[in-house]
Amino acid sequence: QVQLVESGGGLVQPGGSLRLSCEGFRVSFSLYSLSWYRQTPGKDRELVAYIGTISGSTSYADAVKGRFTISRDNVKNAVYLQMNSLKPEEKDVYYCKAALGQVNYWGQGTQVTVSS
């Protein structure tokens, strides 16, 4: 079955950087729009960044504009999220999503903790 596997989470100090990766298995990312979301326990999942298919157009939540960058590599079947200048309140589980029409695939999530 389709599987999305995130990696790259961990502990980082405030102001630090992390690069998240999400690799797809048994799914062709080139056909899908790709997104990163994050979620704090007890709250709704929040869209962080989006990248389209053909044009690779991107969009970001206002809170991360200028600090986060989403990119994709269709050859490697992967999507990335470069996160700079991280803040303590951005401690969350980060999820990738692949979407095509009504079909959505989610990864299992990777924990990001921002703390000194």
N, C-alpha and C. Protein backbone atom coordinates (compact mmCIF):
# COMPACT_ATOMS: atom_id res chain seq x y z
N GLN A 1 0.84 -1.19 0.00
CA GLN A 1 0.00 0.00 0.00
C GLN A 1 0.88 1.24 0.00
N VAL A 2 0.23 2.38 -0.26
CA VAL A 2 0.96 3.64 -0.29
C VAL A 2 1.49 3.96 1.12
N GLN A 3 2.70 4.47 1.14
CA GLN A 3 3.29 4.84 2.42
C GLN A 3 4.10 6.12 2.25
N LEU A 4 3.91 7.05 3.17
CA LEU A 4 4.71 8.26 3.23
C LEU A 4 5.50 8.21 4.54
N VAL A 5 6.80 8.41 4.45
CA VAL A 5 7.66 8.28 5.62
C VAL A 5 8.42 9.58 5.84
N GLU A 6 8.13 10.23 6.97
CA GLU A 6 8.82 11.47 7.31
C GLU A 6 10.07 11.16 8.14
N SER A 7 11.03 12.05 8.06
CA SER A 7 12.23 11.96 8.89
C SER A 7 12.80 13.36 9.05
N GLY A 8 13.77 13.48 9.95
CA GLY A 8 14.45 14.75 10.13
C GLY A 8 14.04 15.54 11.35
N GLY A 9 13.01 15.08 12.05
CA GLY A 9 12.61 15.78 13.26
C GLY A 9 13.63 15.56 14.37
N GLY A 10 13.42 16.29 15.46
CA GLY A 10 14.33 16.15 16.59
C GLY A 10 14.28 17.37 17.47
N LEU A 11 15.29 17.48 18.31
CA LEU A 11 15.40 18.59 19.25
C LEU A 11 16.35 19.65 18.68
N VAL A 12 15.91 20.89 18.72
CA VAL A 12 16.73 21.99 18.23
C VAL A 12 16.54 23.18 19.16
N GLN A 13 17.56 23.98 19.31
CA GLN A 13 17.46 25.17 20.14
C GLN A 13 16.68 26.27 19.42
N PRO A 14 16.06 27.17 20.17
CA PRO A 14 15.40 28.31 19.54
C PRO A 14 16.36 29.04 18.62
N GLY A 15 15.86 29.40 17.43
CA GLY A 15 16.70 30.03 16.44
C GLY A 15 17.42 29.07 15.53
N GLY A 16 17.33 27.79 15.84
CA GLY A 16 18.02 26.78 15.05
C GLY A 16 17.24 26.36 13.83
N SER A 17 17.79 25.38 13.12
CA SER A 17 17.21 24.91 11.86
C SER A 17 17.07 23.40 11.86
N LEU A 18 16.09 22.95 11.11
CA LEU A 18 15.90 21.53 10.83
C LEU A 18 15.42 21.39 9.40
N ARG A 19 15.75 20.25 8.81
CA ARG A 19 15.23 19.94 7.48
C ARG A 19 14.47 18.64 7.56
N LEU A 20 13.17 18.72 7.31
CA LEU A 20 12.32 17.53 7.30
C LEU A 20 12.28 16.95 5.89
N SER A 21 12.20 15.63 5.84
CA SER A 21 12.07 14.92 4.58
C SER A 21 10.86 14.02 4.63
N CYS A 22 10.26 13.80 3.48
CA CYS A 22 9.14 12.87 3.37
C CYS A 22 9.31 12.12 2.06
N GLU A 23 9.41 10.81 2.17
CA GLU A 23 9.60 9.98 0.99
C GLU A 23 8.35 9.14 0.76
N GLY A 24 7.94 9.04 -0.50
CA GLY A 24 6.75 8.27 -0.82
C GLY A 24 7.11 6.92 -1.40
N PHE A 25 6.32 5.91 -1.02
CA PHE A 25 6.51 4.54 -1.51
C PHE A 25 5.19 4.08 -2.13
N ARG A 26 5.30 3.46 -3.31
CA ARG A 26 4.14 2.95 -4.05
C ARG A 26 3.17 4.08 -4.39
N VAL A 27 3.73 5.24 -4.62
CA VAL A 27 2.98 6.41 -5.06
C VAL A 27 3.93 7.29 -5.85
N SER A 28 3.43 7.89 -6.93
CA SER A 28 4.28 8.74 -7.76
C SER A 28 4.03 10.19 -7.38
N PHE A 29 4.97 10.77 -6.65
CA PHE A 29 4.80 12.13 -6.16
C PHE A 29 4.61 13.14 -7.28
N SER A 30 5.10 12.85 -8.46
CA SER A 30 5.03 13.82 -9.55
C SER A 30 3.57 14.17 -9.90
N LEU A 31 2.64 13.30 -9.57
CA LEU A 31 1.23 13.52 -9.89
C LEU A 31 0.49 14.27 -8.78
N TYR A 32 1.11 14.42 -7.64
CA TYR A 32 0.43 14.89 -6.44
C TYR A 32 0.92 16.27 -6.02
N SER A 33 -0.02 17.08 -5.49
CA SER A 33 0.42 18.25 -4.75
C SER A 33 0.88 17.76 -3.38
N LEU A 34 1.84 18.43 -2.81
CA LEU A 34 2.47 18.00 -1.56
C LEU A 34 2.42 19.12 -0.53
N SER A 35 2.19 18.75 0.69
CA SER A 35 2.05 19.73 1.75
C SER A 35 2.71 19.25 3.02
N TRP A 36 3.02 20.19 3.87
CA TRP A 36 3.44 19.92 5.24
C TRP A 36 2.42 20.56 6.19
N TYR A 37 2.03 19.80 7.19
CA TYR A 37 1.13 20.26 8.24
C TYR A 37 1.84 20.06 9.58
N ARG A 38 1.31 20.71 10.59
CA ARG A 38 1.79 20.44 11.95
C ARG A 38 0.60 20.43 12.90
N GLN A 39 0.78 19.75 14.01
CA GLN A 39 -0.33 19.59 14.96
C GLN A 39 0.19 19.54 16.37
N THR A 40 -0.45 20.33 17.23
CA THR A 40 -0.24 20.28 18.66
C THR A 40 -1.35 19.43 19.25
N PRO A 41 -1.05 18.57 20.22
CA PRO A 41 -2.11 17.75 20.83
C PRO A 41 -3.29 18.60 21.28
N GLY A 42 -4.49 18.16 20.90
CA GLY A 42 -5.69 18.88 21.29
C GLY A 42 -6.11 19.97 20.34
N LYS A 43 -5.29 20.20 19.31
CA LYS A 43 -5.62 21.24 18.34
C LYS A 43 -5.74 20.64 16.95
N ASP A 44 -6.37 21.40 16.04
CA ASP A 44 -6.50 20.95 14.66
C ASP A 44 -5.14 20.97 13.96
N ARG A 45 -5.03 20.10 12.96
CA ARG A 45 -3.83 20.09 12.15
C ARG A 45 -3.79 21.38 11.33
N GLU A 46 -2.60 22.00 11.26
CA GLU A 46 -2.44 23.30 10.61
C GLU A 46 -1.58 23.16 9.36
N LEU A 47 -2.03 23.75 8.25
CA LEU A 47 -1.24 23.75 7.03
C LEU A 47 -0.06 24.71 7.19
N VAL A 48 1.13 24.21 6.93
CA VAL A 48 2.34 25.00 7.05
C VAL A 48 2.84 25.46 5.69
N ALA A 49 2.89 24.54 4.72
CA ALA A 49 3.45 24.86 3.42
C ALA A 49 2.89 23.92 2.38
N TYR A 50 2.82 24.40 1.15
CA TYR A 50 2.23 23.65 0.03
C TYR A 50 3.09 23.86 -1.20
N ILE A 51 3.20 22.80 -2.00
CA ILE A 51 3.88 22.94 -3.28
C ILE A 51 3.08 22.20 -4.33
N GLY A 52 2.82 22.85 -5.45
CA GLY A 52 2.01 22.27 -6.50
C GLY A 52 2.81 21.29 -7.36
N THR A 53 2.16 20.79 -8.38
CA THR A 53 2.74 19.72 -9.19
C THR A 53 3.60 20.29 -10.33
N ILE A 54 2.97 20.66 -11.42
CA ILE A 54 3.71 21.01 -12.62
C ILE A 54 4.55 22.27 -12.44
N SER A 55 3.92 23.33 -11.99
CA SER A 55 4.65 24.61 -11.87
C SER A 55 5.49 24.68 -10.62
N GLY A 56 5.18 23.82 -9.66
CA GLY A 56 5.91 23.88 -8.39
C GLY A 56 5.62 25.13 -7.60
N SER A 57 4.45 25.71 -7.81
CA SER A 57 4.10 26.91 -7.05
C SER A 57 4.01 26.57 -5.57
N THR A 58 4.36 27.53 -4.74
CA THR A 58 4.40 27.30 -3.30
C THR A 58 3.54 28.34 -2.57
N SER A 59 3.09 27.94 -1.40
CA SER A 59 2.42 28.88 -0.51
C SER A 59 2.73 28.48 0.92
N TYR A 60 2.66 29.46 1.83
CA TYR A 60 3.06 29.25 3.22
C TYR A 60 2.07 29.90 4.17
N ALA A 61 1.96 29.31 5.34
CA ALA A 61 1.23 29.97 6.41
C ALA A 61 1.96 31.26 6.76
N ASP A 62 1.20 32.28 7.12
CA ASP A 62 1.81 33.57 7.43
C ASP A 62 2.88 33.45 8.52
N ALA A 63 2.65 32.56 9.47
CA ALA A 63 3.56 32.44 10.60
C ALA A 63 4.95 31.94 10.23
N VAL A 64 5.08 31.32 9.06
CA VAL A 64 6.37 30.73 8.70
C VAL A 64 7.00 31.37 7.47
N LYS A 65 6.31 32.32 6.86
CA LYS A 65 6.84 32.95 5.65
C LYS A 65 8.20 33.60 5.92
N GLY A 66 9.11 33.36 5.01
CA GLY A 66 10.45 33.90 5.15
C GLY A 66 11.39 33.05 5.98
N ARG A 67 10.85 32.04 6.67
CA ARG A 67 11.69 31.17 7.50
C ARG A 67 11.68 29.73 7.03
N PHE A 68 10.58 29.27 6.47
CA PHE A 68 10.44 27.89 6.01
C PHE A 68 10.44 27.86 4.49
N THR A 69 10.99 26.79 3.93
CA THR A 69 10.99 26.59 2.49
C THR A 69 10.61 25.16 2.17
N ILE A 70 9.60 25.01 1.33
CA ILE A 70 9.18 23.67 0.88
C ILE A 70 9.77 23.44 -0.51
N SER A 71 10.21 22.22 -0.75
CA SER A 71 10.74 21.86 -2.07
C SER A 71 10.40 20.39 -2.33
N ARG A 72 10.51 20.02 -3.60
CA ARG A 72 10.19 18.65 -3.97
C ARG A 72 11.23 18.13 -4.95
N ASP A 73 11.41 16.83 -4.93
CA ASP A 73 12.28 16.14 -5.88
C ASP A 73 11.50 14.95 -6.41
N ASN A 74 10.94 15.10 -7.60
CA ASN A 74 10.09 14.04 -8.15
C ASN A 74 10.90 12.81 -8.55
N VAL A 75 12.18 12.98 -8.80
CA VAL A 75 13.02 11.82 -9.12
C VAL A 75 13.20 10.96 -7.87
N LYS A 76 13.45 11.61 -6.76
CA LYS A 76 13.61 10.87 -5.49
C LYS A 76 12.27 10.59 -4.83
N ASN A 77 11.18 11.10 -5.41
CA ASN A 77 9.85 10.89 -4.81
C ASN A 77 9.82 11.42 -3.38
N ALA A 78 10.26 12.67 -3.24
CA ALA A 78 10.40 13.22 -1.90
C ALA A 78 9.96 14.68 -1.86
N VAL A 79 9.59 15.11 -0.68
CA VAL A 79 9.29 16.51 -0.41
C VAL A 79 10.04 16.89 0.86
N TYR A 80 10.48 18.14 0.92
CA TYR A 80 11.31 18.60 2.02
C TYR A 80 10.72 19.88 2.62
N LEU A 81 11.06 20.10 3.88
CA LEU A 81 10.71 21.35 4.53
C LEU A 81 11.93 21.84 5.29
N GLN A 82 12.55 22.90 4.79
CA GLN A 82 13.66 23.53 5.47
C GLN A 82 13.09 24.56 6.44
N MET A 83 13.39 24.40 7.71
CA MET A 83 12.85 25.27 8.75
C MET A 83 13.99 26.00 9.43
N ASN A 84 13.97 27.30 9.33
CA ASN A 84 15.00 28.15 9.95
C ASN A 84 14.38 29.03 11.02
N SER A 85 15.23 29.52 11.90
CA SER A 85 14.80 30.43 12.97
C SER A 85 13.61 29.86 13.73
N LEU A 86 13.72 28.63 14.14
CA LEU A 86 12.61 27.95 14.81
C LEU A 86 12.32 28.58 16.17
N LYS A 87 11.06 28.56 16.52
CA LYS A 87 10.58 29.17 17.77
C LYS A 87 10.06 28.07 18.70
N PRO A 88 10.11 28.28 20.01
CA PRO A 88 9.63 27.26 20.94
C PRO A 88 8.18 26.85 20.70
N GLU A 89 7.36 27.78 20.28
CA GLU A 89 5.95 27.46 20.06
C GLU A 89 5.73 26.61 18.82
N GLU A 90 6.78 26.36 18.06
CA GLU A 90 6.66 25.50 16.87
C GLU A 90 6.97 24.04 17.18
N LYS A 91 7.05 23.73 18.45
CA LYS A 91 7.16 22.33 18.87
C LYS A 91 5.85 21.64 18.51
N ASP A 92 5.90 20.70 17.58
CA ASP A 92 4.71 20.04 17.07
C ASP A 92 5.11 18.72 16.43
N VAL A 93 4.11 17.94 16.07
CA VAL A 93 4.33 16.81 15.17
C VAL A 93 4.06 17.33 13.76
N TYR A 94 5.01 17.11 12.87
CA TYR A 94 4.91 17.58 11.50
C TYR A 94 4.57 16.40 10.59
N TYR A 95 3.60 16.62 9.70
CA TYR A 95 3.11 15.59 8.80
C TYR A 95 3.24 16.04 7.35
N CYS A 96 3.55 15.11 6.46
CA CYS A 96 3.47 15.42 5.05
C CYS A 96 2.20 14.80 4.48
N LYS A 97 1.71 15.42 3.41
CA LYS A 97 0.50 14.94 2.75
C LYS A 97 0.69 15.02 1.25
N ALA A 98 0.23 13.98 0.57
CA ALA A 98 0.19 13.96 -0.89
C ALA A 98 -1.28 13.94 -1.29
N ALA A 99 -1.68 14.84 -2.20
CA ALA A 99 -3.09 14.96 -2.57
C ALA A 99 -3.24 14.97 -4.07
N LEU A 100 -4.27 14.23 -4.53
CA LEU A 100 -4.64 14.22 -5.94
C LEU A 100 -6.16 14.07 -6.00
N GLY A 101 -6.85 15.13 -6.35
CA GLY A 101 -8.30 15.10 -6.33
C GLY A 101 -8.81 14.83 -4.92
N GLN A 102 -9.62 13.80 -4.79
CA GLN A 102 -10.19 13.44 -3.49
C GLN A 102 -9.30 12.49 -2.69
N VAL A 103 -8.19 12.13 -3.26
CA VAL A 103 -7.31 11.16 -2.61
C VAL A 103 -6.23 11.90 -1.82
N ASN A 104 -6.11 11.55 -0.56
CA ASN A 104 -5.09 12.13 0.31
C ASN A 104 -4.33 11.01 1.00
N TYR A 105 -3.03 11.13 1.00
CA TYR A 105 -2.17 10.22 1.74
C TYR A 105 -1.37 11.02 2.76
N TRP A 106 -1.28 10.46 3.97
CA TRP A 106 -0.56 11.13 5.06
C TRP A 106 0.59 10.26 5.55
N GLY A 107 1.62 10.93 6.01
CA GLY A 107 2.68 10.24 6.71
C GLY A 107 2.32 10.06 8.17
N GLN A 108 3.20 9.40 8.89
CA GLN A 108 2.95 9.10 10.30
C GLN A 108 3.35 10.23 11.22
N GLY A 109 4.08 11.19 10.70
CA GLY A 109 4.48 12.35 11.49
C GLY A 109 5.88 12.22 12.06
N THR A 110 6.51 13.37 12.25
CA THR A 110 7.82 13.42 12.90
C THR A 110 7.80 14.54 13.92
N GLN A 111 8.33 14.27 15.10
CA GLN A 111 8.26 15.23 16.20
C GLN A 111 9.37 16.27 16.08
N VAL A 112 8.99 17.51 16.20
CA VAL A 112 9.96 18.61 16.27
C VAL A 112 9.82 19.28 17.63
N THR A 113 10.91 19.39 18.35
CA THR A 113 10.92 20.05 19.65
C THR A 113 11.92 21.19 19.61
N VAL A 114 11.46 22.36 19.99
CA VAL A 114 12.31 23.55 19.98
C VAL A 114 12.46 24.01 21.43
N SER A 115 13.64 23.79 21.97
CA SER A 115 13.84 24.07 23.39
C SER A 115 15.32 24.27 23.67
N SER A 116 15.60 25.12 24.65
CA SER A 116 16.99 25.30 25.07
C SER A 116 17.30 24.40 26.26
